Protein backbone atom coordinates (compact mmCIF):
# COMPACT_ATOMS: atom_id res chain seq x y z
CA UNK A 1 0.00 0.00 0.00
CA UNK A 2 1.37 3.39 -0.82
CA UNK A 3 0.76 6.92 -2.03
CA UNK A 4 3.85 7.82 -4.07
CA UNK A 5 3.16 5.70 -7.14
CA UNK A 6 6.16 6.80 -9.20
CA UNK A 7 8.60 6.06 -6.38
CA UNK A 8 7.12 2.72 -5.36
CA UNK A 9 6.84 1.44 -8.93
CA UNK A 10 10.42 2.55 -9.62
CA UNK A 11 11.55 0.36 -6.71
CA UNK A 12 9.93 -2.63 -8.41
CA UNK A 13 7.70 -3.95 -5.65
CA UNK A 14 5.96 -7.24 -6.41
CA UNK A 15 2.43 -6.01 -5.71
CA UNK A 16 1.30 -2.46 -5.08
CA UNK A 17 -2.02 -0.99 -4.02
CA UNK A 18 -1.83 2.66 -5.05
CA UNK A 19 -3.97 4.90 -2.87
CA UNK A 20 -4.15 8.46 -4.26
CA UNK A 21 -4.12 10.13 -0.87
CA UNK A 22 -1.71 12.59 0.81
CA UNK A 23 1.74 11.21 1.62
CA UNK A 24 1.75 9.31 4.87
CA UNK A 25 -1.89 8.30 4.58
CA UNK A 26 -1.94 5.12 2.46
CA UNK A 27 -4.36 3.43 4.85
CA UNK A 28 -6.92 6.23 4.73
CA UNK A 29 -8.02 9.19 6.77
CA UNK A 30 -7.17 9.22 10.48
CA UNK A 31 -10.06 7.93 12.57
CA UNK A 32 -11.92 6.44 9.58
CA UNK A 33 -11.83 2.78 10.54
CA UNK A 34 -14.26 1.72 7.79
CA UNK A 35 -12.06 3.24 5.07
CA UNK A 36 -8.92 1.76 6.61
CA UNK A 37 -10.47 -1.73 6.69
CA UNK A 38 -11.55 -1.40 3.04
CA UNK A 39 -8.03 -0.41 1.99
CA UNK A 40 -6.47 -3.27 3.96
CA UNK A 41 -8.96 -5.70 2.39
CA UNK A 42 -8.03 -4.41 -1.10
CA UNK A 43 -4.33 -4.93 -0.34
CA UNK A 44 -4.90 -8.47 0.92
CA UNK A 45 -7.04 -9.25 -2.14
CA UNK A 46 -4.19 -8.02 -4.36
CA UNK A 47 -1.73 -10.32 -2.58
CA UNK A 48 -4.00 -13.22 -3.42
CA UNK A 49 -5.07 -12.26 -6.94
CA UNK A 50 -2.05 -10.65 -8.61
CA UNK A 51 -1.20 -12.62 -11.73
CA UNK A 52 2.27 -11.21 -12.39
CA UNK A 53 5.20 -9.51 -10.67
CA UNK A 54 5.09 -5.73 -10.36
CA UNK A 55 1.28 -5.65 -10.33
CA UNK A 56 -0.24 -2.28 -9.48
CA UNK A 57 -3.88 -1.75 -8.60
CA UNK A 58 -5.35 1.71 -7.99
CA UNK A 59 -7.76 1.97 -5.08
CA UNK A 60 -10.90 3.67 -6.33
CA UNK A 61 -11.35 5.90 -3.30
CA UNK A 62 -11.51 9.66 -2.75
CA UNK A 63 -9.75 11.54 0.05
CA UNK A 64 -12.49 12.85 2.38
CA UNK A 65 -11.23 16.43 2.13
CA UNK A 66 -11.23 16.44 -1.67
CA UNK A 67 -8.30 16.97 -4.04
CA UNK A 68 -7.07 20.33 -2.70
CA UNK A 69 -4.13 18.65 -0.94
CA UNK A 70 -2.53 18.08 -4.36
CA UNK A 71 -2.23 21.82 -4.96
CA UNK A 72 0.37 22.16 -2.21
CA UNK A 73 2.31 19.03 -3.13
CA UNK A 74 2.59 19.08 -6.93
CA UNK A 75 4.08 22.52 -7.42
CA UNK A 76 7.50 23.74 -8.52
CA UNK A 77 7.78 25.89 -5.41
CA UNK A 78 7.35 24.16 -2.09
CA UNK A 79 4.93 26.52 -0.28
CA UNK A 80 5.27 24.67 2.99
CA UNK A 81 8.97 25.59 3.26
CA UNK A 82 10.21 29.07 4.09
CA UNK A 83 13.44 30.91 4.81
CA UNK A 84 16.39 28.86 6.09
CA UNK A 85 14.48 25.57 5.80
CA UNK A 86 13.75 26.21 2.13
CA UNK A 87 17.39 27.14 1.46
CA UNK A 88 18.59 23.92 3.08
CA UNK A 89 16.03 21.91 1.09
CA UNK A 90 17.23 23.45 -2.17
CA UNK A 91 20.86 22.76 -1.22
CA UNK A 92 20.10 19.09 -0.47
CA UNK A 93 18.11 18.78 -3.69
CA UNK A 94 21.07 20.13 -5.72
CA UNK A 95 23.46 17.75 -3.93
CA UNK A 96 21.20 14.80 -4.68
CA UNK A 97 21.04 15.71 -8.38
CA UNK A 98 24.83 16.03 -8.49
CA UNK A 99 25.34 12.63 -6.84
CA UNK A 100 22.75 11.07 -9.12
CA UNK A 101 24.49 12.47 -12.23
CA UNK A 102 27.75 10.89 -10.99
CA UNK A 103 26.00 7.54 -10.50
CA UNK A 104 26.48 7.57 -6.72
CA UNK A 105 22.76 7.42 -5.90
C-alpha atoms as a PDB file:
ATOM      1  CA  UNK A   1       0.000   0.000   0.000  1.00  0.00           C
ATOM      2  CA  UNK A   2       1.371   3.392  -0.817  1.00  0.00           C
ATOM      3  CA  UNK A   3       0.758   6.917  -2.027  1.00  0.00           C
ATOM      4  CA  UNK A   4       3.851   7.819  -4.068  1.00  0.00           C
ATOM      5  CA  UNK A   5       3.157   5.698  -7.140  1.00  0.00           C
ATOM      6  CA  UNK A   6       6.163   6.802  -9.198  1.00  0.00           C
ATOM      7  CA  UNK A   7       8.600   6.059  -6.379  1.00  0.00           C
ATOM      8  CA  UNK A   8       7.116   2.717  -5.356  1.00  0.00           C
ATOM      9  CA  UNK A   9       6.835   1.435  -8.930  1.00  0.00           C
ATOM     10  CA  UNK A  10      10.418   2.554  -9.622  1.00  0.00           C
ATOM     11  CA  UNK A  11      11.546   0.358  -6.709  1.00  0.00           C
ATOM     12  CA  UNK A  12       9.934  -2.634  -8.414  1.00  0.00           C
ATOM     13  CA  UNK A  13       7.701  -3.949  -5.655  1.00  0.00           C
ATOM     14  CA  UNK A  14       5.959  -7.244  -6.407  1.00  0.00           C
ATOM     15  CA  UNK A  15       2.426  -6.010  -5.706  1.00  0.00           C
ATOM     16  CA  UNK A  16       1.295  -2.465  -5.078  1.00  0.00           C
ATOM     17  CA  UNK A  17      -2.024  -0.991  -4.021  1.00  0.00           C
ATOM     18  CA  UNK A  18      -1.831   2.660  -5.046  1.00  0.00           C
ATOM     19  CA  UNK A  19      -3.967   4.901  -2.871  1.00  0.00           C
ATOM     20  CA  UNK A  20      -4.152   8.456  -4.263  1.00  0.00           C
ATOM     21  CA  UNK A  21      -4.117  10.132  -0.865  1.00  0.00           C
ATOM     22  CA  UNK A  22      -1.705  12.589   0.812  1.00  0.00           C
ATOM     23  CA  UNK A  23       1.743  11.209   1.623  1.00  0.00           C
ATOM     24  CA  UNK A  24       1.751   9.306   4.875  1.00  0.00           C
ATOM     25  CA  UNK A  25      -1.893   8.296   4.576  1.00  0.00           C
ATOM     26  CA  UNK A  26      -1.936   5.117   2.457  1.00  0.00           C
ATOM     27  CA  UNK A  27      -4.360   3.433   4.851  1.00  0.00           C
ATOM     28  CA  UNK A  28      -6.925   6.232   4.728  1.00  0.00           C
ATOM     29  CA  UNK A  29      -8.016   9.191   6.769  1.00  0.00           C
ATOM     30  CA  UNK A  30      -7.168   9.217  10.479  1.00  0.00           C
ATOM     31  CA  UNK A  31     -10.055   7.926  12.573  1.00  0.00           C
ATOM     32  CA  UNK A  32     -11.920   6.444   9.584  1.00  0.00           C
ATOM     33  CA  UNK A  33     -11.833   2.776  10.536  1.00  0.00           C
ATOM     34  CA  UNK A  34     -14.259   1.720   7.792  1.00  0.00           C
ATOM     35  CA  UNK A  35     -12.058   3.238   5.067  1.00  0.00           C
ATOM     36  CA  UNK A  36      -8.921   1.763   6.609  1.00  0.00           C
ATOM     37  CA  UNK A  37     -10.471  -1.726   6.691  1.00  0.00           C
ATOM     38  CA  UNK A  38     -11.553  -1.395   3.042  1.00  0.00           C
ATOM     39  CA  UNK A  39      -8.034  -0.411   1.993  1.00  0.00           C
ATOM     40  CA  UNK A  40      -6.474  -3.265   3.956  1.00  0.00           C
ATOM     41  CA  UNK A  41      -8.958  -5.700   2.386  1.00  0.00           C
ATOM     42  CA  UNK A  42      -8.031  -4.413  -1.098  1.00  0.00           C
ATOM     43  CA  UNK A  43      -4.330  -4.932  -0.336  1.00  0.00           C
ATOM     44  CA  UNK A  44      -4.901  -8.467   0.923  1.00  0.00           C
ATOM     45  CA  UNK A  45      -7.038  -9.248  -2.144  1.00  0.00           C
ATOM     46  CA  UNK A  46      -4.190  -8.024  -4.361  1.00  0.00           C
ATOM     47  CA  UNK A  47      -1.730 -10.323  -2.581  1.00  0.00           C
ATOM     48  CA  UNK A  48      -3.997 -13.217  -3.422  1.00  0.00           C
ATOM     49  CA  UNK A  49      -5.073 -12.263  -6.937  1.00  0.00           C
ATOM     50  CA  UNK A  50      -2.050 -10.648  -8.613  1.00  0.00           C
ATOM     51  CA  UNK A  51      -1.202 -12.616 -11.726  1.00  0.00           C
ATOM     52  CA  UNK A  52       2.272 -11.213 -12.387  1.00  0.00           C
ATOM     53  CA  UNK A  53       5.200  -9.513 -10.668  1.00  0.00           C
ATOM     54  CA  UNK A  54       5.086  -5.732 -10.356  1.00  0.00           C
ATOM     55  CA  UNK A  55       1.284  -5.654 -10.327  1.00  0.00           C
ATOM     56  CA  UNK A  56      -0.238  -2.284  -9.480  1.00  0.00           C
ATOM     57  CA  UNK A  57      -3.882  -1.745  -8.598  1.00  0.00           C
ATOM     58  CA  UNK A  58      -5.346   1.707  -7.992  1.00  0.00           C
ATOM     59  CA  UNK A  59      -7.758   1.972  -5.076  1.00  0.00           C
ATOM     60  CA  UNK A  60     -10.901   3.667  -6.334  1.00  0.00           C
ATOM     61  CA  UNK A  61     -11.352   5.903  -3.300  1.00  0.00           C
ATOM     62  CA  UNK A  62     -11.505   9.662  -2.755  1.00  0.00           C
ATOM     63  CA  UNK A  63      -9.750  11.537   0.051  1.00  0.00           C
ATOM     64  CA  UNK A  64     -12.492  12.850   2.384  1.00  0.00           C
ATOM     65  CA  UNK A  65     -11.231  16.435   2.127  1.00  0.00           C
ATOM     66  CA  UNK A  66     -11.232  16.439  -1.673  1.00  0.00           C
ATOM     67  CA  UNK A  67      -8.305  16.968  -4.040  1.00  0.00           C
ATOM     68  CA  UNK A  68      -7.073  20.332  -2.699  1.00  0.00           C
ATOM     69  CA  UNK A  69      -4.126  18.652  -0.939  1.00  0.00           C
ATOM     70  CA  UNK A  70      -2.531  18.083  -4.364  1.00  0.00           C
ATOM     71  CA  UNK A  71      -2.230  21.821  -4.963  1.00  0.00           C
ATOM     72  CA  UNK A  72       0.373  22.160  -2.205  1.00  0.00           C
ATOM     73  CA  UNK A  73       2.311  19.027  -3.133  1.00  0.00           C
ATOM     74  CA  UNK A  74       2.589  19.085  -6.926  1.00  0.00           C
ATOM     75  CA  UNK A  75       4.081  22.520  -7.422  1.00  0.00           C
ATOM     76  CA  UNK A  76       7.502  23.735  -8.519  1.00  0.00           C
ATOM     77  CA  UNK A  77       7.783  25.895  -5.412  1.00  0.00           C
ATOM     78  CA  UNK A  78       7.352  24.164  -2.092  1.00  0.00           C
ATOM     79  CA  UNK A  79       4.933  26.518  -0.276  1.00  0.00           C
ATOM     80  CA  UNK A  80       5.275  24.669   2.995  1.00  0.00           C
ATOM     81  CA  UNK A  81       8.967  25.586   3.258  1.00  0.00           C
ATOM     82  CA  UNK A  82      10.205  29.071   4.094  1.00  0.00           C
ATOM     83  CA  UNK A  83      13.444  30.906   4.815  1.00  0.00           C
ATOM     84  CA  UNK A  84      16.387  28.860   6.093  1.00  0.00           C
ATOM     85  CA  UNK A  85      14.483  25.574   5.801  1.00  0.00           C
ATOM     86  CA  UNK A  86      13.745  26.212   2.131  1.00  0.00           C
ATOM     87  CA  UNK A  87      17.387  27.144   1.464  1.00  0.00           C
ATOM     88  CA  UNK A  88      18.591  23.918   3.076  1.00  0.00           C
ATOM     89  CA  UNK A  89      16.034  21.908   1.093  1.00  0.00           C
ATOM     90  CA  UNK A  90      17.234  23.451  -2.171  1.00  0.00           C
ATOM     91  CA  UNK A  91      20.858  22.756  -1.216  1.00  0.00           C
ATOM     92  CA  UNK A  92      20.105  19.095  -0.470  1.00  0.00           C
ATOM     93  CA  UNK A  93      18.113  18.779  -3.689  1.00  0.00           C
ATOM     94  CA  UNK A  94      21.069  20.130  -5.715  1.00  0.00           C
ATOM     95  CA  UNK A  95      23.464  17.754  -3.934  1.00  0.00           C
ATOM     96  CA  UNK A  96      21.204  14.795  -4.684  1.00  0.00           C
ATOM     97  CA  UNK A  97      21.035  15.707  -8.376  1.00  0.00           C
ATOM     98  CA  UNK A  98      24.829  16.025  -8.494  1.00  0.00           C
ATOM     99  CA  UNK A  99      25.342  12.632  -6.844  1.00  0.00           C
ATOM    100  CA  UNK A 100      22.751  11.073  -9.119  1.00  0.00           C
ATOM    101  CA  UNK A 101      24.488  12.470 -12.225  1.00  0.00           C
ATOM    102  CA  UNK A 102      27.750  10.893 -10.988  1.00  0.00           C
ATOM    103  CA  UNK A 103      25.997   7.541 -10.495  1.00  0.00           C
ATOM    104  CA  UNK A 104      26.482   7.568  -6.720  1.00  0.00           C
ATOM    105  CA  UNK A 105      22.757   7.425  -5.900  1.00  0.00           C
END
